[in-house]
Amino acid sequence: MDIDSTETHLDLQRLLAIKEEVVRLAREVGRWARERSDRHHAGTQAFDVSVKTVPGDVVTEVDVEGQRRIAERLRAGFPGFGLLGEEGLSEVDERTPTWVIDPIDGTHNFVRGYPGFCVSIGLVEENESVLGVIYDAGLDTVYWAVKGGGAWREAERVRLTDRAVRDALITTNFTDASAGNLGHRDFFVELAGRSSGVRASGSACRDLCFVADGRVDLFWQFGLRAWDVAAGIALVREAGGEVRFLGGGDRTWLQGGRIDVVAGAPSAVAEAMALAERVLD
């Protein structure tokens, strides 16, 4: 790697150089994980699966090993940077840039051989996502963005189209954070009723890629974590979209707690935020 890891100023030129290394890493780990998923689904090479909280919230040995591989490479290449990852990784110093890792987002998809899951690597500086790289295993494609450098699907620049909710294809995922919450139910029902259609991919990272790519126009989810959105935030914003946190989460999102996020076309996000003020506690 020909990147000066002792230099901490993340200007556009340096971010683009870092991106090259991270794209290779995400693709490498993602293809390795996809092969493991295919073998598991075919019954030729099983792996251990454990439930974290509820039946749909699972972790595998591949999640753990994938995070280890990513963290090892990033730690070696960028020794001054912090690390935060879904599988118990927390080496965060607010004074330095921090890598935020989700080794397999959409683990239930991964276990079942359902396309697709993602490998997500984001870089956050001063509470702002400045780089995002997401490998989509379902498409064998890397999405990436750097602050000031646009959002890209491989070598093709992507931009979203601004749409109101009535013209929007919307997407969300349901977690235990919404169980029994009538405000969350009403939020979904009203947005779904106003929209032109609803999809659910099972991966927040994939949904954020699809927002940036213009395949869907509005994504929201309650009860996310920083690793679910760190890379995707950069993608959506660089593609011309907006990302908003409900309940002041923009100040605390890197602290590991639950966050509620709305992202998408600016007009659709504005409608969703106005609805949130009315129906959410």
Protein backbone atom coordinates (compact mmCIF):
# COMPACT_ATOMS: atom_id res chain seq x y z
CA MET A 1 0.00 0.00 0.00
CA ASP A 2 1.49 3.34 -1.06
CA ILE A 3 -0.71 5.43 1.27
CA ASP A 4 0.95 7.47 4.01
CA SER A 5 -0.89 6.12 7.06
CA THR A 6 0.77 8.67 9.35
CA GLU A 7 -1.06 11.53 7.62
CA THR A 8 -4.51 11.99 9.14
CA HIS A 9 -5.89 14.82 6.99
CA LEU A 10 -8.53 13.22 4.79
CA ASP A 11 -8.71 15.43 1.72
CA LEU A 12 -10.30 14.19 -1.51
CA GLN A 13 -7.04 12.94 -3.01
CA ARG A 14 -6.23 10.86 0.04
CA LEU A 15 -9.75 9.51 0.36
CA LEU A 16 -9.64 8.33 -3.25
CA ALA A 17 -6.33 6.56 -2.60
CA ILE A 18 -7.73 4.90 0.53
CA LYS A 19 -10.84 3.89 -1.39
CA GLU A 20 -8.82 1.79 -3.82
CA GLU A 21 -7.49 -0.38 -1.00
CA VAL A 22 -10.88 -0.68 0.71
CA VAL A 23 -12.69 -1.65 -2.50
CA ARG A 24 -10.22 -4.52 -2.98
CA LEU A 25 -10.67 -5.60 0.63
CA ALA A 26 -14.48 -5.52 0.58
CA ARG A 27 -14.62 -7.45 -2.70
CA GLU A 28 -12.13 -10.05 -1.45
CA VAL A 29 -13.94 -10.68 1.83
CA GLY A 30 -17.35 -10.50 0.17
CA ARG A 31 -16.55 -13.11 -2.47
CA TRP A 32 -15.04 -15.40 0.17
CA ALA A 33 -18.20 -15.03 2.27
CA ARG A 34 -20.46 -15.59 -0.75
CA GLU A 35 -18.66 -18.86 -1.49
CA ARG A 36 -19.19 -19.96 2.12
CA SER A 37 -22.88 -19.06 1.86
CA ASP A 38 -23.27 -21.03 -1.36
CA ARG A 39 -21.60 -24.10 0.13
CA HIS A 40 -23.67 -23.87 3.30
CA HIS A 41 -26.91 -23.61 1.33
CA ALA A 42 -25.87 -26.55 -0.88
CA GLY A 43 -25.08 -28.66 2.18
CA THR A 44 -21.43 -29.19 1.29
CA GLN A 45 -19.79 -27.03 3.99
CA ALA A 46 -21.85 -25.99 6.99
CA PHE A 47 -20.96 -23.26 9.48
CA ASP A 48 -22.09 -22.51 13.02
CA VAL A 49 -25.11 -20.22 13.39
CA SER A 50 -26.10 -18.62 16.71
CA VAL A 51 -29.10 -16.48 17.64
CA LYS A 52 -28.23 -13.10 19.17
CA THR A 53 -31.57 -11.70 20.35
CA VAL A 54 -34.51 -13.00 18.28
CA PRO A 55 -34.70 -15.78 15.66
CA GLY A 56 -34.08 -13.38 12.77
CA ASP A 57 -31.02 -11.82 14.45
CA VAL A 58 -28.24 -14.33 13.91
CA VAL A 59 -24.46 -14.47 13.77
CA THR A 60 -22.18 -17.03 12.15
CA GLU A 61 -18.53 -17.95 12.35
CA VAL A 62 -18.19 -16.28 8.93
CA ASP A 63 -19.31 -12.91 10.38
CA VAL A 64 -16.62 -13.19 13.05
CA GLU A 65 -13.87 -14.31 10.69
CA GLY A 66 -14.86 -11.72 8.08
CA GLN A 67 -14.59 -8.93 10.64
CA ARG A 68 -11.23 -10.28 11.80
CA ARG A 69 -9.86 -10.23 8.25
CA ILE A 70 -11.12 -6.70 7.58
CA ALA A 71 -9.91 -5.30 10.90
CA GLU A 72 -6.51 -6.92 10.54
CA ARG A 73 -5.92 -5.31 7.16
CA LEU A 74 -7.24 -1.91 8.22
CA ARG A 75 -5.30 -1.96 11.47
CA ALA A 76 -2.09 -2.72 9.58
CA GLY A 77 -2.69 -0.18 6.84
CA PHE A 78 -4.02 2.67 8.99
CA PRO A 79 -2.55 2.31 12.49
CA GLY A 80 -3.72 5.74 13.61
CA PHE A 81 -7.38 5.06 12.87
CA GLY A 82 -10.05 3.69 15.20
CA LEU A 83 -12.17 0.59 14.58
CA LEU A 84 -15.81 -0.14 15.34
CA GLY A 85 -17.47 -3.37 14.23
CA GLU A 86 -20.68 -5.28 14.75
CA GLU A 87 -19.06 -8.36 16.24
CA GLY A 88 -17.73 -6.86 19.46
CA LEU A 89 -15.05 -4.58 17.99
CA SER A 90 -14.65 -1.20 19.67
CA GLU A 91 -11.36 0.70 19.37
CA VAL A 92 -12.74 4.21 19.03
CA ASP A 93 -11.01 7.52 19.69
CA GLU A 94 -13.13 10.54 18.73
CA ARG A 95 -9.96 12.48 17.91
CA THR A 96 -9.06 10.16 15.01
CA PRO A 97 -10.89 8.83 11.94
CA THR A 98 -12.75 5.58 12.67
CA TRP A 99 -13.44 2.58 10.46
CA VAL A 100 -16.97 1.26 10.95
CA ILE A 101 -17.40 -2.34 9.81
CA ASP A 102 -20.31 -4.65 9.17
CA PRO A 103 -18.70 -7.89 7.94
CA ILE A 104 -22.02 -9.36 6.80
CA ASP A 105 -25.10 -7.18 6.74
CA GLY A 106 -28.13 -9.33 6.07
CA THR A 107 -26.84 -12.38 7.92
CA HIS A 108 -30.22 -14.12 7.80
CA ASN A 109 -30.11 -13.78 3.99
CA PHE A 110 -26.55 -15.09 4.08
CA VAL A 111 -27.51 -18.17 6.10
CA ARG A 112 -30.48 -19.01 3.86
CA GLY A 113 -28.72 -18.38 0.56
CA TYR A 114 -31.19 -15.57 -0.16
CA PRO A 115 -29.74 -12.74 -2.27
CA GLY A 116 -28.26 -10.66 -1.07
CA PHE A 117 -26.02 -9.72 1.81
CA CYS A 118 -23.37 -7.01 1.97
CA VAL A 119 -19.90 -6.32 3.32
CA SER A 120 -19.83 -2.71 4.51
CA ILE A 121 -16.81 -0.57 5.41
CA GLY A 122 -17.28 3.09 6.28
CA LEU A 123 -14.85 5.74 7.44
CA VAL A 124 -16.04 8.46 9.81
CA GLU A 125 -14.14 11.66 10.63
CA GLU A 126 -15.47 14.17 13.16
CA ASN A 127 -18.84 12.37 13.25
CA GLU A 128 -19.25 12.55 9.47
CA SER A 129 -19.16 9.65 7.03
CA VAL A 130 -16.43 10.57 4.54
CA LEU A 131 -15.97 7.22 2.77
CA GLY A 132 -18.24 4.27 2.15
CA VAL A 133 -17.57 0.97 0.41
CA ILE A 134 -20.24 -1.74 0.17
CA TYR A 135 -19.91 -5.07 -1.61
CA ASP A 136 -23.31 -6.43 -2.69
CA ALA A 137 -23.00 -10.23 -2.92
CA GLY A 138 -26.28 -10.55 -4.80
CA LEU A 139 -24.91 -8.46 -7.66
CA ASP A 140 -21.18 -9.19 -7.17
CA THR A 141 -20.79 -5.41 -7.26
CA VAL A 142 -19.03 -2.77 -5.19
CA TYR A 143 -20.68 0.56 -4.49
CA TRP A 144 -18.43 3.32 -3.16
CA ALA A 145 -18.38 7.00 -2.33
CA VAL A 146 -15.99 9.54 -0.87
CA LYS A 147 -16.81 12.99 0.42
CA GLY A 148 -16.68 15.41 -2.49
CA GLY A 149 -16.03 12.64 -5.01
CA GLY A 150 -19.49 11.37 -5.86
CA ALA A 151 -21.18 7.98 -5.48
CA TRP A 152 -20.31 5.09 -7.76
CA ARG A 153 -21.37 1.59 -8.73
CA GLU A 154 -18.02 0.14 -9.80
CA ALA A 155 -16.81 2.64 -12.45
CA GLU A 156 -20.24 4.18 -13.16
CA ARG A 157 -21.30 7.27 -11.28
CA VAL A 158 -24.77 7.06 -9.73
CA ARG A 159 -27.22 9.83 -8.86
CA LEU A 160 -30.73 9.57 -7.51
CA THR A 161 -33.79 11.38 -8.82
CA ASP A 162 -35.77 13.56 -6.44
CA ARG A 163 -39.28 12.18 -5.98
CA ALA A 164 -42.23 12.80 -3.71
CA VAL A 165 -43.54 9.83 -1.75
CA ARG A 166 -46.50 9.37 -4.12
CA ASP A 167 -44.03 8.50 -6.90
CA ALA A 168 -41.55 6.68 -4.70
CA LEU A 169 -40.65 3.03 -4.31
CA ILE A 170 -39.93 2.70 -0.59
CA THR A 171 -38.09 0.11 1.46
CA THR A 172 -37.66 -0.83 5.10
CA ASN A 173 -36.82 -3.77 7.34
CA PHE A 174 -38.56 -4.75 10.55
CA THR A 175 -36.65 -5.52 13.74
CA ASP A 176 -37.48 -6.14 17.37
CA ALA A 177 -37.10 -2.38 17.91
CA SER A 178 -40.53 -1.94 16.31
CA ALA A 179 -42.30 -4.83 18.04
CA GLY A 180 -45.49 -3.51 19.62
CA ASN A 181 -44.67 0.12 18.79
CA LEU A 182 -47.87 1.67 17.45
CA GLY A 183 -46.07 4.79 16.24
CA HIS A 184 -43.73 2.69 14.11
CA ARG A 185 -46.73 0.79 12.74
CA ASP A 186 -48.59 3.99 11.87
CA PHE A 187 -45.47 5.45 10.25
CA PHE A 188 -45.16 2.41 7.98
CA VAL A 189 -48.85 2.17 7.15
CA GLU A 190 -49.16 5.82 6.16
CA LEU A 191 -45.96 5.93 4.09
CA ALA A 192 -46.81 2.65 2.39
CA GLY A 193 -50.29 3.93 1.57
CA ARG A 194 -48.93 7.12 0.04
CA SER A 195 -46.17 5.43 -1.98
CA SER A 196 -46.06 3.65 -5.33
CA GLY A 197 -44.75 0.41 -3.77
CA VAL A 198 -42.88 -1.25 -0.90
CA ARG A 199 -39.89 -3.60 -0.85
CA ALA A 200 -37.83 -5.25 1.90
CA SER A 201 -34.36 -6.61 1.13
CA GLY A 202 -33.25 -7.79 4.57
CA SER A 203 -30.08 -5.67 4.41
CA ALA A 204 -29.97 -2.00 5.37
CA CYS A 205 -26.65 -1.59 3.57
CA ARG A 206 -28.14 -2.95 0.35
CA ASP A 207 -31.14 -0.67 0.68
CA LEU A 208 -28.87 2.36 1.03
CA CYS A 209 -26.98 1.30 -2.11
CA PHE A 210 -30.29 1.04 -3.94
CA VAL A 211 -31.30 4.51 -2.75
CA ALA A 212 -28.04 5.96 -4.08
CA ASP A 213 -28.51 4.05 -7.34
CA GLY A 214 -32.09 5.27 -7.79
CA ARG A 215 -33.60 1.76 -7.58
CA VAL A 216 -35.62 2.83 -4.55
CA ASP A 217 -36.40 6.34 -3.36
CA LEU A 218 -36.86 6.19 0.41
CA PHE A 219 -35.45 3.95 3.14
CA TRP A 220 -36.04 4.08 6.85
CA GLN A 221 -35.45 1.74 9.72
CA PHE A 222 -35.78 1.89 13.48
CA GLY A 223 -33.21 0.34 15.79
CA LEU A 224 -30.17 0.35 13.53
CA ARG A 225 -26.55 0.61 14.63
CA ALA A 226 -23.65 2.66 13.30
CA TRP A 227 -22.21 -0.24 11.26
CA ASP A 228 -25.51 -0.59 9.40
CA VAL A 229 -25.32 2.93 7.97
CA ALA A 230 -21.79 4.38 8.14
CA ALA A 231 -20.86 3.47 4.56
CA GLY A 232 -24.35 3.98 3.16
CA ILE A 233 -24.63 7.52 4.50
CA ALA A 234 -21.71 8.59 2.32
CA LEU A 235 -23.25 6.87 -0.70
CA VAL A 236 -26.68 8.45 -0.34
CA ARG A 237 -25.39 11.95 0.30
CA GLU A 238 -22.88 11.85 -2.56
CA ALA A 239 -25.66 10.61 -4.87
CA GLY A 240 -27.73 13.72 -4.08
CA GLY A 241 -29.90 12.31 -1.31
CA GLU A 242 -30.48 13.19 2.31
CA VAL A 243 -29.91 11.19 5.48
CA ARG A 244 -31.68 12.18 8.67
CA PHE A 245 -31.57 10.78 12.19
CA LEU A 246 -34.70 10.75 14.31
CA GLY A 247 -34.50 11.78 17.95
CA GLY A 248 -31.10 13.46 17.83
CA GLY A 249 -29.20 10.33 16.84
CA ASP A 250 -26.84 12.38 14.68
CA ARG A 251 -24.98 13.37 17.86
CA THR A 252 -24.62 9.89 19.33
CA TRP A 253 -24.72 7.45 16.41
CA LEU A 254 -21.10 6.30 16.80
CA GLN A 255 -21.56 5.36 20.45
CA GLY A 256 -22.98 1.94 19.60
CA GLY A 257 -26.60 2.49 20.61
CA ARG A 258 -29.73 2.11 18.52
CA ILE A 259 -30.46 4.78 15.93
CA ASP A 260 -33.46 5.54 13.72
CA VAL A 261 -32.58 6.62 10.19
CA VAL A 262 -34.46 8.05 7.20
CA ALA A 263 -32.61 8.30 3.86
CA GLY A 264 -33.51 8.98 0.28
CA ALA A 265 -34.71 11.52 -2.23
CA PRO A 266 -34.92 14.94 -0.54
CA SER A 267 -38.65 15.43 -1.18
CA ALA A 268 -39.53 11.98 0.13
CA VAL A 269 -37.32 12.44 3.19
CA ALA A 270 -39.00 15.76 3.97
CA GLU A 271 -42.43 14.08 3.88
CA ALA A 272 -41.22 11.23 6.06
CA MET A 273 -39.76 13.59 8.64
CA ALA A 274 -43.00 15.59 8.79
CA LEU A 275 -44.91 12.36 9.34
CA ALA A 276 -42.46 11.29 12.04
CA GLU A 277 -43.13 14.49 13.97
CA ARG A 278 -46.84 13.68 13.92
CA VAL A 279 -46.97 9.95 14.68
CA LEU A 280 -43.81 9.10 16.62
CA ASP A 281 -43.38 9.66 20.34
